[in-house]
Protein backbone atom coordinates (compact mmCIF):
# COMPACT_ATOMS: atom_id res chain seq x y z
CA MET A 1 -10.48 16.36 3.55
CA SER A 2 -10.60 19.61 5.55
CA HIS A 3 -10.70 20.18 9.35
CA THR A 4 -13.72 22.26 9.45
CA ASP A 5 -17.15 22.12 11.21
CA PRO A 6 -19.03 21.11 8.02
CA GLU A 7 -16.61 18.20 7.43
CA ARG A 8 -17.00 17.02 11.05
CA ARG A 9 -20.78 17.15 10.59
CA ARG A 10 -20.20 15.16 7.39
CA LEU A 11 -18.19 12.67 9.33
CA ALA A 12 -20.74 12.26 11.94
CA LEU A 13 -23.40 11.60 9.25
CA GLN A 14 -21.12 9.04 7.64
CA ALA A 15 -20.39 7.36 10.97
CA SER A 16 -24.20 7.00 11.51
CA ILE A 17 -24.23 4.79 8.44
CA ILE A 18 -21.17 2.69 8.79
CA ASN A 19 -20.73 2.39 12.50
CA PRO A 20 -22.66 -0.91 12.52
CA HIS A 21 -20.23 -2.44 10.05
CA THR A 22 -17.32 -1.25 12.02
CA GLU A 23 -18.60 -2.58 15.33
CA ARG A 24 -19.18 -5.95 13.91
CA LEU A 25 -15.69 -5.94 12.26
CA LEU A 26 -14.07 -5.07 15.70
CA ARG A 27 -16.08 -7.90 17.51
CA ASP A 28 -15.10 -10.39 14.85
CA ALA A 29 -11.45 -9.19 15.05
CA GLY A 30 -11.45 -9.78 18.92
CA ILE A 31 -11.73 -6.33 20.47
CA SER A 32 -13.11 -7.31 23.90
CA GLY A 33 -13.18 -6.47 27.57
CA GLY A 34 -9.93 -5.35 29.27
CA MET A 35 -7.93 -4.58 26.06
CA GLN A 36 -5.70 -1.52 25.64
CA VAL A 37 -6.60 -0.24 22.32
CA LEU A 38 -5.07 2.58 20.11
CA ASP A 39 -7.29 4.24 17.50
CA MET A 40 -5.16 5.91 14.75
CA ALA A 41 -6.58 9.07 13.25
CA CYS A 42 -9.52 9.00 15.44
CA GLY A 43 -11.28 12.28 14.24
CA VAL A 44 -14.44 12.96 16.35
CA GLY A 45 -14.19 9.66 18.03
CA ASP A 46 -16.70 7.33 16.47
CA VAL A 47 -14.47 4.16 16.10
CA SER A 48 -12.68 4.99 19.45
CA LEU A 49 -16.32 5.18 21.23
CA ILE A 50 -17.18 1.70 19.74
CA ALA A 51 -13.81 0.31 20.98
CA GLY A 52 -14.38 1.95 24.47
CA ARG A 53 -17.68 0.20 24.79
CA LEU A 54 -16.14 -3.09 23.75
CA ALA A 55 -13.06 -2.80 26.01
CA GLY A 56 -15.13 -1.70 29.03
CA SER A 57 -13.96 -0.08 32.16
CA HIS A 58 -11.24 -2.68 32.75
CA GLY A 59 -9.64 -1.71 29.32
CA SER A 60 -8.55 1.51 27.78
CA VAL A 61 -8.82 3.31 24.46
CA THR A 62 -6.43 5.92 23.21
CA GLY A 63 -7.37 8.01 20.26
CA VAL A 64 -4.71 9.95 18.36
CA ASP A 65 -5.40 12.70 15.77
CA LEU A 66 -3.84 15.87 14.40
CA ASP A 67 -7.12 17.86 14.59
CA ALA A 68 -7.44 19.40 18.14
CA ASP A 69 -11.08 20.36 17.54
CA ALA A 70 -12.11 17.04 16.44
CA LEU A 71 -10.46 15.64 19.48
CA ALA A 72 -12.38 18.04 21.75
CA VAL A 73 -15.60 16.69 20.16
CA ALA A 74 -14.33 13.11 20.81
CA ALA A 75 -13.41 13.69 24.44
CA GLY A 76 -16.75 15.39 25.14
CA ARG A 77 -18.62 12.47 23.56
CA ALA A 78 -16.67 10.04 25.74
CA THR A 79 -17.47 11.93 28.86
CA ALA A 80 -21.12 12.10 28.01
CA GLU A 81 -21.19 8.32 27.75
CA GLY A 82 -19.41 8.00 31.00
CA LEU A 83 -16.48 6.13 29.22
CA ASP A 84 -13.68 7.50 31.57
CA HIS A 85 -11.16 4.89 30.41
CA MET A 86 -10.59 6.76 27.18
CA GLN A 87 -8.19 9.47 26.41
CA PHE A 88 -7.43 11.53 23.33
CA ILE A 89 -3.92 12.83 22.19
CA GLN A 90 -3.17 15.41 19.57
CA ALA A 91 -0.22 14.23 17.54
CA ASP A 92 0.99 13.63 14.07
CA LEU A 93 0.98 9.84 13.58
CA ALA A 94 4.27 10.01 11.44
CA SER A 95 6.06 11.14 14.62
CA PHE A 96 3.91 9.60 17.40
CA GLU A 97 5.74 7.37 19.71
CA PRO A 98 3.56 5.80 22.48
CA LYS A 99 4.89 5.23 26.03
CA THR A 100 3.46 1.80 26.01
CA LYS A 101 2.51 -1.10 23.74
CA TYR A 102 -1.13 -1.81 22.94
CA ASP A 103 -3.15 -5.04 22.68
CA ALA A 104 -4.72 -3.67 19.46
CA VAL A 105 -4.27 -0.86 16.97
CA ILE A 106 -7.47 -0.01 15.02
CA ALA A 107 -7.99 2.53 12.16
CA ARG A 108 -10.91 3.54 9.81
CA HIS A 109 -10.58 5.36 6.49
CA ILE A 110 -6.96 6.57 6.93
CA LEU A 111 -4.90 4.66 4.35
CA ILE A 112 -7.03 6.15 1.60
CA HIS A 113 -5.62 9.47 2.74
CA THR A 114 -1.90 8.45 2.59
CA LYS A 115 0.52 7.72 -0.28
CA ASP A 116 2.26 5.05 1.66
CA PRO A 117 -0.27 2.75 3.25
CA VAL A 118 2.24 0.00 3.95
CA LEU A 119 4.39 2.37 6.05
CA LEU A 120 1.35 3.26 8.26
CA ILE A 121 0.45 -0.42 8.76
CA ARG A 122 4.04 -1.11 9.84
CA LYS A 123 3.72 1.73 12.20
CA ALA A 124 0.55 0.18 13.65
CA ALA A 125 2.33 -3.21 13.92
CA SER A 126 5.13 -1.53 15.91
CA MET A 127 2.79 -0.24 18.60
CA VAL A 128 1.31 -3.54 19.63
CA HIS A 129 2.55 -6.33 21.95
CA ALA A 130 3.61 -9.62 20.19
CA GLY A 131 0.45 -11.27 19.19
CA GLY A 132 -1.37 -7.98 19.25
CA LEU A 133 -4.40 -7.13 16.97
CA ILE A 134 -4.17 -4.96 13.76
CA VAL A 135 -7.45 -3.91 12.41
CA PHE A 136 -7.99 -1.62 9.24
CA GLN A 137 -11.29 -0.69 7.52
CA GLU A 138 -10.95 1.22 4.25
CA TYR A 139 -12.94 2.08 1.08
CA ASP A 140 -12.11 1.09 -2.44
CA LEU A 141 -12.81 4.29 -4.34
CA SER A 142 -11.62 2.90 -7.70
CA GLY A 143 -15.10 3.01 -9.24
CA LEU A 144 -16.25 -0.54 -8.51
CA THR A 145 -19.74 0.35 -7.34
CA PRO A 146 -22.35 -1.25 -9.49
CA LYS A 147 -23.77 1.26 -12.12
CA TYR A 148 -27.51 1.40 -12.59
CA ASP A 149 -29.51 2.77 -15.51
CA GLY A 150 -31.03 6.19 -14.99
CA MET A 151 -28.64 7.46 -12.38
CA PRO A 152 -26.08 9.62 -14.24
CA LEU A 153 -25.70 12.11 -11.34
CA LEU A 154 -24.64 9.32 -8.96
CA ALA A 155 -22.08 8.13 -11.48
CA CYS A 156 -20.73 11.64 -12.06
CA CYS A 157 -20.18 12.01 -8.30
CA TRP A 158 -18.51 8.54 -7.78
CA ASN A 159 -16.22 9.16 -10.94
CA ALA A 160 -15.27 12.59 -9.63
CA ILE A 161 -14.17 11.26 -6.25
CA THR A 162 -12.34 8.44 -7.89
CA ALA A 163 -10.63 10.81 -10.12
CA LEU A 164 -9.53 13.09 -7.35
CA PHE A 165 -7.88 10.51 -5.19
CA THR A 166 -6.27 9.10 -8.37
CA GLU A 167 -4.99 12.43 -9.43
CA THR A 168 -3.51 13.16 -5.99
CA GLY A 169 -1.67 9.91 -5.92
CA LEU A 170 -3.45 8.45 -2.84
CA ALA A 171 -4.42 4.89 -2.17
CA VAL A 172 -7.62 4.89 -4.15
CA ARG A 173 -7.78 1.03 -3.99
CA ALA A 174 -6.99 0.77 -0.24
CA GLY A 175 -10.08 -1.34 0.74
CA SER A 176 -9.33 -3.92 -1.95
CA MET A 177 -5.55 -3.89 -1.36
CA LEU A 178 -5.56 -4.59 2.34
CA TYR A 179 -4.50 -8.23 1.97
CA ARG A 180 -1.45 -7.18 -0.12
CA TYR A 181 -0.73 -4.26 2.25
CA PHE A 182 -0.61 -6.37 5.24
CA LEU A 183 1.83 -8.88 3.70
CA ASP A 184 4.02 -6.15 2.41
CA ALA A 185 4.13 -4.74 5.85
CA GLY A 186 5.54 -8.06 7.09
CA LEU A 187 2.28 -9.47 8.85
CA PRO A 188 0.78 -12.84 8.51
CA VAL A 189 -2.09 -13.52 6.08
CA PRO A 190 -5.05 -11.41 7.42
CA GLU A 191 -8.66 -12.25 7.59
CA CYS A 192 -10.39 -10.05 5.02
CA ARG A 193 -13.81 -8.90 3.84
CA LEU A 194 -15.28 -6.71 1.22
CA GLU A 195 -18.78 -5.37 1.36
CA TYR A 196 -21.20 -2.92 -0.27
CA MET A 197 -23.71 -0.84 1.65
CA VAL A 198 -26.93 -0.71 -0.12
CA GLU A 199 -30.09 1.41 0.78
CA GLY A 200 -32.97 3.10 -0.97
CA GLY A 201 -36.08 4.92 -0.41
CA ALA A 202 -37.01 8.64 0.20
CA ASP A 203 -35.91 8.60 3.88
CA SER A 204 -32.43 7.26 3.28
CA ASN A 205 -29.63 9.48 4.47
CA TYR A 206 -27.15 8.18 1.83
CA TYR A 207 -28.21 10.95 -0.59
CA GLU A 208 -27.04 13.62 2.15
CA TRP A 209 -23.89 11.58 2.70
CA LEU A 210 -22.76 11.59 -0.84
CA GLY A 211 -23.94 15.29 -1.39
CA GLU A 212 -22.01 16.48 1.52
CA THR A 213 -18.97 14.64 0.60
CA ILE A 214 -18.99 16.29 -2.91
CA LYS A 215 -19.52 19.62 -1.15
CA SER A 216 -16.46 19.12 1.05
CA LEU A 217 -14.37 17.97 -1.99
CA GLU A 218 -15.73 20.63 -4.38
CA PRO A 219 -12.83 23.10 -3.95
CA LYS A 220 -10.13 20.55 -4.55
CA LEU A 221 -12.25 18.85 -7.41
CA ILE A 222 -12.18 22.37 -9.09
CA ALA A 223 -8.58 23.05 -8.33
CA VAL A 224 -7.37 19.93 -10.15
CA GLY A 225 -9.83 20.50 -13.11
CA ILE A 226 -12.17 17.55 -12.49
CA LEU A 227 -15.23 19.86 -12.07
CA ARG A 228 -15.86 23.43 -13.16
CA GLU A 229 -17.17 26.11 -10.89
CA GLY A 230 -20.90 25.51 -10.26
CA GLU A 231 -21.07 22.54 -12.64
CA ILE A 232 -22.60 20.03 -10.16
CA GLY A 233 -24.58 22.30 -8.16
CA VAL A 234 -23.67 21.23 -4.54
CA GLU A 235 -26.39 23.27 -2.82
CA THR A 236 -29.24 21.14 -4.42
CA LEU A 237 -27.12 18.02 -4.96
CA THR A 238 -28.62 15.98 -2.00
CA GLU A 239 -32.26 16.41 -3.20
CA ARG A 240 -31.42 15.72 -6.88
CA LEU A 241 -29.58 12.50 -5.87
CA ARG A 242 -32.61 11.50 -4.08
CA GLU A 243 -35.10 12.31 -6.95
CA GLU A 244 -32.81 10.57 -9.40
CA ALA A 245 -32.68 7.27 -7.33
CA LEU A 246 -36.47 7.44 -6.75
CA ALA A 247 -37.23 7.90 -10.49
CA ALA A 248 -34.87 5.23 -11.34
CA ARG A 249 -36.42 2.76 -8.93
CA GLN A 250 -32.95 1.78 -7.97
CA PRO A 251 -30.99 1.43 -4.71
CA PHE A 252 -28.13 3.57 -3.63
CA VAL A 253 -24.94 1.66 -3.38
CA VAL A 254 -21.86 2.73 -1.50
CA GLY A 255 -18.46 0.73 -1.48
CA PRO A 256 -17.03 -1.57 -1.62
CA MET A 257 -15.62 -1.09 1.90
CA GLY A 258 -12.79 -3.44 2.77
CA ALA A 259 -11.47 -4.72 6.12
CA ALA A 260 -8.66 -6.68 7.36
CA PHE A 261 -7.41 -7.98 10.70
CA VAL A 262 -4.62 -10.09 11.98
CA ARG A 263 -2.57 -10.90 15.06
CA THR A 264 1.12 -9.99 14.92
CA PRO A 265 3.61 -12.90 15.21
CA ILE A 266 4.64 -14.23 18.49
CA ARG A 267 8.26 -14.82 18.63
CA ASP A 268 10.24 -17.03 21.09
């Protein structure tokens, strides 16, 4: 995905939908008061802010990302909430070497953008204390979303996204593969979940979420030949998705989104 203002706005919209799922995951995993937490590829800080509230003033949260503009937004949001125990660092995760070990490393929607998810999980494990937490939340974009009659536009959008991630060799099934990824990274058996997000009705913001996602991806979809110029009509896509769902009397389904968490081994 690009590092642009429209993409950051799309991420903010996405976060408004999935943040409750992420907060529940972090609570279940054990992120709590006083912990020192690292958020990998933190973007505009949505996951960092959740962790910051859970860790409290006796803990700390460090967000790392390559996008300086996104980090500025994240830092401003933390300041606005009075979360002065948070900091944000511009760095490439591949070369990032923290000066300290953390109690937990967390990440959301990062593995689907890499060709070697196991390497990134190993990187996360190397940055926590023995017994530290590793928590990942990822989509499965392999087309497993239930298909409903009368919603060909929705199917077209999801098929295009799946085709793009597959074409570029990225971890399209990351959400469903977390169990295997964790084991391949040398971690113990993780606790996992796989869930769909379902909503309907005229006021749902799911339509805009998917419409803006396709709009953000359209140049790449055209470049690799998945879509033709103007084929999907991104400027009116959100409203047409809404109209299609209402006419079909069907819900709008996103997912599945997988999650896994585990503590690293404690060695004598």
